Amino acid sequence: MLVNVTDVFASDGKVIEGEYPFQAGEAVHGGSTYPVKDAAPVSVRISPSGPRKALAEAETRVTVVIPCDRCLRDVEYVFALKVEREVTSPETASPDELDEQSAFMEGYELNIDSLIIDEMITSWPGKVLCRPDCKGLCPVCGKDLNTGACGCDTFVPDPRMAAIMDVFNANKEV
């Protein structure tokens, strides 16, 4: 959704307020694509903050489906986002300011979906678990250990003890 902010840049005191639908159907993070399951309307307020500058404020809740880092079950992760960004009119912005706001400004229009997705990416969780005590997958057969044990032999001998184990195995009586 694009919102034209020309009037805010041009006049003192002009404020744009409203609720806009979040229309992005997916979020891309770390080379993977995650579907957006639900999103509340985005409350937006754009007000002047200086000559040819505006403060863009947005708030929403977005639910994204992310796989659990241990067992790969789908987890509905809720992002409660509150964004505040200062934007500068393209005609007076420095190259650094233009580069910084290029992710969510298209000329004189604020791209609300890009602003929200940009904030989601910066607040992405380091680890997502389906539950705090998730047991993950069996390293041998790949069974979800949350549903029960698989019976695989998961004993991994300590590689530092390999030489001693060779001595014991060589002297083993049959």
N, C-alpha and C. Protein backbone atom coordinates (compact mmCIF):
# COMPACT_ATOMS: atom_id res chain seq x y z
N MET A 1 0.86 -1.17 0.00
CA MET A 1 0.00 0.00 0.00
C MET A 1 0.91 1.24 0.00
N LEU A 2 0.68 2.13 -0.93
CA LEU A 2 1.46 3.36 -1.05
C LEU A 2 0.65 4.54 -0.52
N VAL A 3 1.32 5.39 0.27
CA VAL A 3 0.69 6.60 0.81
C VAL A 3 1.52 7.79 0.35
N ASN A 4 0.88 8.73 -0.32
CA ASN A 4 1.56 9.92 -0.82
C ASN A 4 1.79 10.90 0.33
N VAL A 5 3.06 11.28 0.54
CA VAL A 5 3.41 12.17 1.65
C VAL A 5 3.83 13.56 1.17
N THR A 6 3.54 13.90 -0.06
CA THR A 6 3.91 15.20 -0.62
C THR A 6 3.34 16.34 0.21
N ASP A 7 2.08 16.25 0.61
CA ASP A 7 1.44 17.31 1.39
C ASP A 7 2.12 17.53 2.74
N VAL A 8 2.62 16.47 3.35
CA VAL A 8 3.30 16.60 4.64
C VAL A 8 4.63 17.31 4.46
N PHE A 9 5.34 17.00 3.37
CA PHE A 9 6.61 17.68 3.09
C PHE A 9 6.39 19.15 2.76
N ALA A 10 5.31 19.46 2.06
CA ALA A 10 5.08 20.80 1.52
C ALA A 10 4.52 21.79 2.54
N SER A 11 3.76 21.33 3.51
CA SER A 11 3.13 22.29 4.42
C SER A 11 3.39 21.91 5.88
N ASP A 12 3.46 22.94 6.70
CA ASP A 12 3.61 22.71 8.14
C ASP A 12 2.26 22.37 8.74
N GLY A 13 2.24 21.37 9.58
CA GLY A 13 1.02 21.04 10.28
C GLY A 13 0.15 20.01 9.59
N LYS A 14 0.40 19.66 8.34
CA LYS A 14 -0.41 18.65 7.64
C LYS A 14 -0.02 17.27 8.17
N VAL A 15 -1.01 16.52 8.65
CA VAL A 15 -0.79 15.19 9.21
C VAL A 15 -1.67 14.20 8.46
N ILE A 16 -1.11 13.05 8.15
CA ILE A 16 -1.86 11.98 7.52
C ILE A 16 -2.01 10.87 8.55
N GLU A 17 -3.26 10.47 8.81
CA GLU A 17 -3.53 9.38 9.74
C GLU A 17 -4.52 8.44 9.10
N GLY A 18 -4.38 7.16 9.41
CA GLY A 18 -5.34 6.20 8.90
C GLY A 18 -4.90 4.77 9.16
N GLU A 19 -5.79 3.86 8.81
CA GLU A 19 -5.49 2.44 8.90
C GLU A 19 -5.49 1.88 7.49
N TYR A 20 -4.46 1.11 7.19
CA TYR A 20 -4.28 0.56 5.86
C TYR A 20 -4.07 -0.95 5.97
N PRO A 21 -4.58 -1.71 5.00
CA PRO A 21 -4.38 -3.17 5.07
C PRO A 21 -2.94 -3.54 4.78
N PHE A 22 -2.45 -4.55 5.47
CA PHE A 22 -1.13 -5.11 5.20
C PHE A 22 -1.32 -6.15 4.11
N GLN A 23 -0.72 -5.95 2.94
CA GLN A 23 -1.02 -6.76 1.78
C GLN A 23 0.07 -7.75 1.40
N ALA A 24 1.19 -7.74 2.10
CA ALA A 24 2.25 -8.69 1.77
C ALA A 24 1.85 -10.09 2.21
N GLY A 25 2.00 -11.05 1.33
CA GLY A 25 1.59 -12.42 1.64
C GLY A 25 2.71 -13.29 2.17
N GLU A 26 3.94 -12.75 2.15
CA GLU A 26 5.07 -13.53 2.62
C GLU A 26 6.20 -12.62 3.07
N ALA A 27 7.09 -13.20 3.88
CA ALA A 27 8.29 -12.48 4.34
C ALA A 27 9.50 -13.32 3.95
N VAL A 28 10.55 -12.67 3.50
CA VAL A 28 11.77 -13.37 3.12
C VAL A 28 12.85 -13.02 4.13
N HIS A 29 13.45 -14.08 4.72
CA HIS A 29 14.52 -13.88 5.70
C HIS A 29 15.55 -14.98 5.53
N GLY A 30 16.80 -14.60 5.40
CA GLY A 30 17.88 -15.58 5.29
C GLY A 30 17.75 -16.49 4.08
N GLY A 31 17.17 -16.01 3.02
CA GLY A 31 17.03 -16.81 1.81
C GLY A 31 15.82 -17.73 1.79
N SER A 32 15.04 -17.74 2.87
CA SER A 32 13.83 -18.56 2.93
C SER A 32 12.60 -17.67 2.91
N THR A 33 11.50 -18.22 2.41
CA THR A 33 10.24 -17.49 2.33
C THR A 33 9.27 -18.06 3.35
N TYR A 34 8.64 -17.17 4.12
CA TYR A 34 7.71 -17.58 5.17
C TYR A 34 6.36 -16.93 4.90
N PRO A 35 5.27 -17.73 4.90
CA PRO A 35 3.95 -17.17 4.62
C PRO A 35 3.42 -16.34 5.79
N VAL A 36 2.72 -15.27 5.45
CA VAL A 36 2.04 -14.44 6.44
C VAL A 36 0.65 -15.04 6.61
N LYS A 37 0.33 -15.49 7.82
CA LYS A 37 -0.97 -16.12 8.06
C LYS A 37 -2.05 -15.09 8.35
N ASP A 38 -1.70 -14.07 9.13
CA ASP A 38 -2.69 -13.08 9.52
C ASP A 38 -1.98 -11.75 9.78
N ALA A 39 -2.68 -10.67 9.52
CA ALA A 39 -2.13 -9.34 9.78
C ALA A 39 -3.25 -8.38 10.13
N ALA A 40 -3.04 -7.63 11.19
CA ALA A 40 -4.00 -6.58 11.56
C ALA A 40 -3.76 -5.38 10.66
N PRO A 41 -4.78 -4.53 10.49
CA PRO A 41 -4.55 -3.31 9.71
C PRO A 41 -3.42 -2.47 10.33
N VAL A 42 -2.70 -1.79 9.49
CA VAL A 42 -1.56 -0.98 9.94
C VAL A 42 -2.05 0.42 10.27
N SER A 43 -1.88 0.82 11.53
CA SER A 43 -2.21 2.20 11.94
C SER A 43 -1.03 3.07 11.58
N VAL A 44 -1.28 4.09 10.76
CA VAL A 44 -0.21 4.94 10.26
C VAL A 44 -0.48 6.39 10.63
N ARG A 45 0.59 7.08 11.04
CA ARG A 45 0.54 8.52 11.29
C ARG A 45 1.80 9.12 10.71
N ILE A 46 1.63 10.07 9.80
CA ILE A 46 2.77 10.75 9.18
C ILE A 46 2.62 12.23 9.47
N SER A 47 3.61 12.77 10.17
CA SER A 47 3.55 14.18 10.59
C SER A 47 4.87 14.87 10.26
N PRO A 48 4.82 16.21 10.07
CA PRO A 48 6.07 16.93 9.78
C PRO A 48 7.01 16.91 10.98
N SER A 49 8.30 16.79 10.70
CA SER A 49 9.29 16.78 11.78
C SER A 49 10.40 17.79 11.54
N GLY A 50 10.28 18.58 10.51
CA GLY A 50 11.28 19.58 10.17
C GLY A 50 11.07 20.01 8.74
N PRO A 51 11.91 20.91 8.26
CA PRO A 51 11.76 21.34 6.87
C PRO A 51 12.04 20.17 5.91
N ARG A 52 11.03 19.85 5.11
CA ARG A 52 11.09 18.78 4.12
C ARG A 52 11.37 17.42 4.74
N LYS A 53 10.94 17.24 6.00
CA LYS A 53 11.10 15.96 6.69
C LYS A 53 9.78 15.58 7.32
N ALA A 54 9.58 14.27 7.48
CA ALA A 54 8.36 13.78 8.09
C ALA A 54 8.69 12.57 8.97
N LEU A 55 7.90 12.41 10.02
CA LEU A 55 8.03 11.27 10.92
C LEU A 55 6.91 10.30 10.57
N ALA A 56 7.29 9.11 10.13
CA ALA A 56 6.32 8.07 9.80
C ALA A 56 6.26 7.08 10.96
N GLU A 57 5.06 6.93 11.52
CA GLU A 57 4.84 6.01 12.63
C GLU A 57 3.82 4.98 12.17
N ALA A 58 4.11 3.70 12.44
CA ALA A 58 3.20 2.62 12.04
C ALA A 58 3.18 1.58 13.14
N GLU A 59 2.02 0.95 13.31
CA GLU A 59 1.87 -0.08 14.34
C GLU A 59 0.93 -1.16 13.83
N THR A 60 1.31 -2.42 14.04
CA THR A 60 0.49 -3.55 13.61
C THR A 60 0.96 -4.83 14.29
N ARG A 61 0.21 -5.90 14.07
CA ARG A 61 0.56 -7.25 14.51
C ARG A 61 0.48 -8.15 13.28
N VAL A 62 1.55 -8.91 13.06
CA VAL A 62 1.62 -9.79 11.90
C VAL A 62 1.98 -11.20 12.38
N THR A 63 1.22 -12.20 11.93
CA THR A 63 1.49 -13.60 12.28
C THR A 63 2.13 -14.28 11.08
N VAL A 64 3.33 -14.83 11.30
CA VAL A 64 4.09 -15.49 10.24
C VAL A 64 4.29 -16.95 10.64
N VAL A 65 4.20 -17.85 9.67
CA VAL A 65 4.42 -19.28 9.92
C VAL A 65 5.90 -19.58 9.69
N ILE A 66 6.58 -19.98 10.80
CA ILE A 66 8.01 -20.27 10.77
C ILE A 66 8.21 -21.69 11.29
N PRO A 67 9.06 -22.51 10.65
CA PRO A 67 9.28 -23.86 11.18
C PRO A 67 10.12 -23.83 12.46
N CYS A 68 9.79 -24.77 13.37
CA CYS A 68 10.53 -24.92 14.62
C CYS A 68 11.98 -25.26 14.28
N ASP A 69 12.92 -24.68 15.00
CA ASP A 69 14.34 -24.91 14.72
C ASP A 69 14.81 -26.31 15.10
N ARG A 70 14.03 -27.04 15.90
CA ARG A 70 14.44 -28.39 16.31
C ARG A 70 13.67 -29.50 15.59
N CYS A 71 12.34 -29.37 15.49
CA CYS A 71 11.54 -30.48 14.94
C CYS A 71 10.87 -30.14 13.60
N LEU A 72 10.98 -28.93 13.14
CA LEU A 72 10.47 -28.46 11.86
C LEU A 72 8.95 -28.36 11.77
N ARG A 73 8.25 -28.44 12.90
CA ARG A 73 6.80 -28.20 12.90
C ARG A 73 6.55 -26.72 12.64
N ASP A 74 5.42 -26.42 12.00
CA ASP A 74 5.07 -25.02 11.76
C ASP A 74 4.67 -24.34 13.07
N VAL A 75 5.23 -23.15 13.29
CA VAL A 75 4.94 -22.34 14.47
C VAL A 75 4.40 -21.01 13.99
N GLU A 76 3.30 -20.58 14.57
CA GLU A 76 2.74 -19.27 14.24
C GLU A 76 3.39 -18.25 15.18
N TYR A 77 4.29 -17.45 14.62
CA TYR A 77 5.02 -16.45 15.40
C TYR A 77 4.38 -15.09 15.16
N VAL A 78 4.07 -14.39 16.25
CA VAL A 78 3.40 -13.08 16.16
C VAL A 78 4.43 -11.97 16.35
N PHE A 79 4.51 -11.10 15.36
CA PHE A 79 5.34 -9.90 15.45
C PHE A 79 4.44 -8.74 15.87
N ALA A 80 4.69 -8.16 17.04
CA ALA A 80 3.99 -6.94 17.46
C ALA A 80 4.93 -5.79 17.12
N LEU A 81 4.62 -5.06 16.07
CA LEU A 81 5.55 -4.08 15.52
C LEU A 81 5.09 -2.65 15.76
N LYS A 82 6.04 -1.83 16.13
CA LYS A 82 5.82 -0.39 16.25
C LYS A 82 7.04 0.27 15.61
N VAL A 83 6.79 0.99 14.53
CA VAL A 83 7.88 1.55 13.72
C VAL A 83 7.82 3.07 13.76
N GLU A 84 8.98 3.69 13.90
CA GLU A 84 9.12 5.15 13.78
C GLU A 84 10.33 5.42 12.89
N ARG A 85 10.10 6.03 11.75
CA ARG A 85 11.17 6.37 10.82
C ARG A 85 11.01 7.79 10.34
N GLU A 86 12.11 8.50 10.30
CA GLU A 86 12.08 9.85 9.73
C GLU A 86 12.43 9.74 8.26
N VAL A 87 11.61 10.35 7.43
CA VAL A 87 11.84 10.34 5.99
C VAL A 87 12.06 11.78 5.52
N THR A 88 12.88 11.89 4.48
CA THR A 88 13.23 13.19 3.93
C THR A 88 12.73 13.27 2.51
N SER A 89 12.30 14.47 2.11
CA SER A 89 11.84 14.70 0.75
C SER A 89 12.97 14.31 -0.22
N PRO A 90 12.65 13.58 -1.28
CA PRO A 90 13.69 13.15 -2.23
C PRO A 90 14.49 14.29 -2.84
N GLU A 91 13.88 15.47 -2.98
CA GLU A 91 14.60 16.58 -3.61
C GLU A 91 15.64 17.20 -2.68
N THR A 92 15.52 17.04 -1.36
CA THR A 92 16.48 17.64 -0.43
C THR A 92 17.30 16.60 0.32
N ALA A 93 17.04 15.32 0.11
CA ALA A 93 17.74 14.26 0.84
C ALA A 93 19.16 14.09 0.32
N SER A 94 20.06 13.77 1.24
CA SER A 94 21.43 13.46 0.86
C SER A 94 21.46 12.05 0.27
N PRO A 95 22.53 11.70 -0.43
CA PRO A 95 22.61 10.34 -0.98
C PRO A 95 22.50 9.25 0.09
N ASP A 96 23.06 9.50 1.28
CA ASP A 96 22.95 8.52 2.36
C ASP A 96 21.50 8.37 2.83
N GLU A 97 20.78 9.48 2.95
CA GLU A 97 19.38 9.43 3.36
C GLU A 97 18.54 8.72 2.31
N LEU A 98 18.79 9.01 1.05
CA LEU A 98 18.06 8.34 -0.03
C LEU A 98 18.31 6.83 -0.01
N ASP A 99 19.55 6.45 0.22
CA ASP A 99 19.90 5.03 0.26
C ASP A 99 19.22 4.35 1.45
N GLU A 100 19.20 5.03 2.60
CA GLU A 100 18.60 4.47 3.81
C GLU A 100 17.09 4.27 3.67
N GLN A 101 16.42 5.22 3.04
CA GLN A 101 14.96 5.12 2.94
C GLN A 101 14.50 4.49 1.63
N SER A 102 15.43 4.03 0.80
CA SER A 102 15.04 3.42 -0.48
C SER A 102 14.25 2.12 -0.31
N ALA A 103 14.38 1.47 0.85
CA ALA A 103 13.66 0.22 1.09
C ALA A 103 12.16 0.43 1.25
N PHE A 104 11.75 1.63 1.70
CA PHE A 104 10.32 1.84 1.96
C PHE A 104 9.77 3.14 1.37
N MET A 105 10.57 3.94 0.69
CA MET A 105 10.08 5.15 0.02
C MET A 105 10.25 5.00 -1.48
N GLU A 106 9.20 5.31 -2.20
CA GLU A 106 9.24 5.30 -3.66
C GLU A 106 8.89 6.71 -4.12
N GLY A 107 9.93 7.52 -4.27
CA GLY A 107 9.71 8.93 -4.60
C GLY A 107 9.07 9.64 -3.42
N TYR A 108 7.86 10.15 -3.63
CA TYR A 108 7.13 10.86 -2.57
C TYR A 108 6.08 9.96 -1.91
N GLU A 109 6.17 8.65 -2.14
CA GLU A 109 5.19 7.73 -1.57
C GLU A 109 5.85 6.76 -0.59
N LEU A 110 5.19 6.58 0.54
CA LEU A 110 5.65 5.66 1.57
C LEU A 110 5.01 4.30 1.31
N ASN A 111 5.83 3.27 1.14
CA ASN A 111 5.34 1.91 0.93
C ASN A 111 5.20 1.26 2.31
N ILE A 112 3.97 1.17 2.79
CA ILE A 112 3.71 0.68 4.15
C ILE A 112 4.10 -0.79 4.28
N ASP A 113 3.79 -1.60 3.28
CA ASP A 113 4.14 -3.02 3.36
C ASP A 113 5.65 -3.21 3.48
N SER A 114 6.43 -2.48 2.71
CA SER A 114 7.88 -2.57 2.78
C SER A 114 8.41 -2.08 4.12
N LEU A 115 7.81 -1.04 4.66
CA LEU A 115 8.21 -0.52 5.97
C LEU A 115 8.00 -1.58 7.05
N ILE A 116 6.86 -2.25 7.02
CA ILE A 116 6.55 -3.28 8.02
C ILE A 116 7.45 -4.50 7.83
N ILE A 117 7.65 -4.95 6.59
CA ILE A 117 8.51 -6.11 6.35
C ILE A 117 9.94 -5.81 6.76
N ASP A 118 10.41 -4.61 6.49
CA ASP A 118 11.76 -4.20 6.90
C ASP A 118 11.90 -4.30 8.41
N GLU A 119 10.90 -3.87 9.15
CA GLU A 119 10.94 -3.94 10.61
C GLU A 119 10.84 -5.40 11.08
N MET A 120 10.06 -6.22 10.40
CA MET A 120 9.97 -7.64 10.76
C MET A 120 11.33 -8.32 10.62
N ILE A 121 12.02 -8.04 9.54
CA ILE A 121 13.31 -8.67 9.29
C ILE A 121 14.33 -8.28 10.36
N THR A 122 14.30 -7.02 10.79
CA THR A 122 15.25 -6.59 11.81
C THR A 122 14.91 -7.11 13.20
N SER A 123 13.66 -7.53 13.41
CA SER A 123 13.27 -8.06 14.72
C SER A 123 13.01 -9.57 14.65
N TRP A 124 13.56 -10.24 13.66
CA TRP A 124 13.37 -11.67 13.49
C TRP A 124 13.98 -12.41 14.67
N PRO A 125 13.30 -13.42 15.22
CA PRO A 125 13.83 -14.14 16.38
C PRO A 125 15.04 -15.00 16.01
N GLY A 126 15.96 -15.13 16.95
CA GLY A 126 17.15 -15.95 16.71
C GLY A 126 16.82 -17.43 16.65
N LYS A 127 15.87 -17.88 17.46
CA LYS A 127 15.47 -19.28 17.50
C LYS A 127 13.97 -19.34 17.72
N VAL A 128 13.29 -20.16 16.95
CA VAL A 128 11.86 -20.36 17.08
C VAL A 128 11.63 -21.82 17.47
N LEU A 129 10.94 -22.04 18.59
CA LEU A 129 10.64 -23.38 19.05
C LEU A 129 9.13 -23.57 19.15
N CYS A 130 8.66 -24.78 18.84
CA CYS A 130 7.23 -25.07 18.94
C CYS A 130 6.80 -25.10 20.41
N ARG A 131 7.71 -25.47 21.28
CA ARG A 131 7.50 -25.42 22.73
C ARG A 131 8.88 -25.40 23.38
N PRO A 132 8.98 -24.88 24.61
CA PRO A 132 10.31 -24.73 25.22
C PRO A 132 11.09 -26.03 25.40
N ASP A 133 10.39 -27.16 25.60
CA ASP A 133 11.08 -28.43 25.81
C ASP A 133 11.08 -29.32 24.56
N CYS A 134 11.06 -28.73 23.39
CA CYS A 134 11.05 -29.49 22.13
C CYS A 134 12.28 -30.39 22.08
N LYS A 135 12.06 -31.67 21.76
CA LYS A 135 13.15 -32.66 21.74
C LYS A 135 13.81 -32.76 20.38
N GLY A 136 13.18 -32.24 19.35
CA GLY A 136 13.78 -32.23 18.03
C GLY A 136 13.58 -33.53 17.27
N LEU A 137 14.48 -33.78 16.32
CA LEU A 137 14.42 -34.95 15.46
C LEU A 137 15.55 -35.92 15.81
N CYS A 138 15.29 -37.22 15.60
CA CYS A 138 16.33 -38.23 15.81
C CYS A 138 17.42 -38.02 14.76
N PRO A 139 18.70 -37.97 15.17
CA PRO A 139 19.77 -37.76 14.19
C PRO A 139 20.01 -38.97 13.28
N VAL A 140 19.45 -40.14 13.65
CA VAL A 140 19.65 -41.34 12.84
C VAL A 140 18.52 -41.52 11.83
N CYS A 141 17.26 -41.55 12.31
CA CYS A 141 16.14 -41.86 11.42
C CYS A 141 15.27 -40.65 11.08
N GLY A 142 15.39 -39.54 11.83
CA GLY A 142 14.64 -38.33 11.53
C GLY A 142 13.26 -38.28 12.15
N LYS A 143 12.92 -39.22 13.04
CA LYS A 143 11.60 -39.23 13.68
C LYS A 143 11.49 -38.06 14.65
N ASP A 144 10.29 -37.49 14.73
CA ASP A 144 10.01 -36.41 15.69
C ASP A 144 10.00 -37.01 17.09
N LEU A 145 10.96 -36.66 17.91
CA LEU A 145 11.09 -37.23 19.25
C LEU A 145 10.05 -36.69 20.23
N ASN A 146 9.29 -35.68 19.84
CA ASN A 146 8.21 -35.18 20.68
C ASN A 146 7.04 -36.17 20.71
N THR A 147 6.94 -37.02 19.70
CA THR A 147 5.84 -37.99 19.63
C THR A 147 6.21 -39.32 20.27
N GLY A 148 7.46 -39.49 20.67
CA GLY A 148 7.90 -40.73 21.31
C GLY A 148 9.29 -41.11 20.83
N ALA A 149 9.89 -42.08 21.55
CA ALA A 149 11.24 -42.53 21.21
C ALA A 149 11.18 -43.39 19.95
N CYS A 150 12.27 -43.42 19.22
CA CYS A 150 12.31 -44.18 17.98
C CYS A 150 13.03 -45.51 18.13
N GLY A 151 13.84 -45.68 19.14
CA GLY A 151 14.56 -46.93 19.36
C GLY A 151 15.90 -47.00 18.65
N CYS A 152 16.31 -45.96 18.01
CA CYS A 152 17.61 -45.96 17.32
C CYS A 152 18.74 -45.90 18.35
N ASP A 153 19.89 -46.50 17.98
CA ASP A 153 21.07 -46.41 18.82
C ASP A 153 21.73 -45.08 18.53
N THR A 154 21.61 -44.14 19.46
CA THR A 154 22.17 -42.80 19.25
C THR A 154 23.47 -42.60 20.02
N PHE A 155 24.05 -43.71 20.55
CA PHE A 155 25.30 -43.59 21.29
C PHE A 155 26.42 -43.18 20.33
N VAL A 156 27.09 -42.12 20.67
CA VAL A 156 28.22 -41.65 19.89
C VAL A 156 29.43 -41.68 20.81
N PRO A 157 30.40 -42.56 20.52
CA PRO A 157 31.56 -42.64 21.41
C PRO A 157 32.41 -41.38 21.33
N ASP A 158 33.07 -41.10 22.42
CA ASP A 158 33.95 -39.94 22.49
C ASP A 158 35.17 -40.22 21.61
N PRO A 159 35.44 -39.40 20.59
CA PRO A 159 36.56 -39.68 19.69
C PRO A 159 37.92 -39.62 20.40
N ARG A 160 38.00 -38.97 21.53
CA ARG A 160 39.27 -38.93 22.26
C ARG A 160 39.60 -40.27 22.90
N MET A 161 38.58 -41.11 23.05
CA MET A 161 38.78 -42.41 23.67
C MET A 161 38.95 -43.53 22.63
N ALA A 162 39.03 -43.20 21.36
CA ALA A 162 39.10 -44.21 20.30
C ALA A 162 40.31 -45.12 20.45
N ALA A 163 41.48 -44.58 20.81
CA ALA A 163 42.69 -45.39 20.95
C ALA A 163 42.54 -46.39 22.09
N ILE A 164 41.95 -45.97 23.20
CA ILE A 164 41.75 -46.88 24.33
C ILE A 164 40.74 -47.95 23.97
N MET A 165 39.69 -47.59 23.24
CA MET A 165 38.69 -48.57 22.83
C MET A 165 39.31 -49.62 21.92
N ASP A 166 40.27 -49.24 21.07
CA ASP A 166 40.95 -50.20 20.22
C ASP A 166 41.71 -51.22 21.05
N VAL A 167 42.34 -50.79 22.14
CA VAL A 167 43.07 -51.70 23.04
C VAL A 167 42.09 -52.68 23.67
N PHE A 168 40.96 -52.17 24.17
CA PHE A 168 39.97 -53.04 24.80
C PHE A 168 39.38 -54.02 23.78
N ASN A 169 39.09 -53.58 22.59
CA ASN A 169 38.52 -54.46 21.58
C ASN A 169 39.51 -55.51 21.11
N ALA A 170 40.82 -55.18 21.09
CA ALA A 170 41.85 -56.13 20.66
C ALA A 170 42.01 -57.24 21.68
N ASN A 171 41.87 -56.97 22.95
CA ASN A 171 42.06 -57.95 24.01
C ASN A 171 40.76 -58.59 24.46
N LYS A 172 39.74 -58.43 23.72
CA LYS A 172 38.43 -58.94 24.07
C LYS A 172 38.38 -60.44 23.83
N GLU A 173 37.94 -61.21 24.82
CA GLU A 173 37.82 -62.64 24.65
C GLU A 173 36.45 -62.97 24.11
N VAL A 174 36.44 -63.98 23.27
CA VAL A 174 35.19 -64.39 22.66
C VAL A 174 34.61 -65.58 23.37
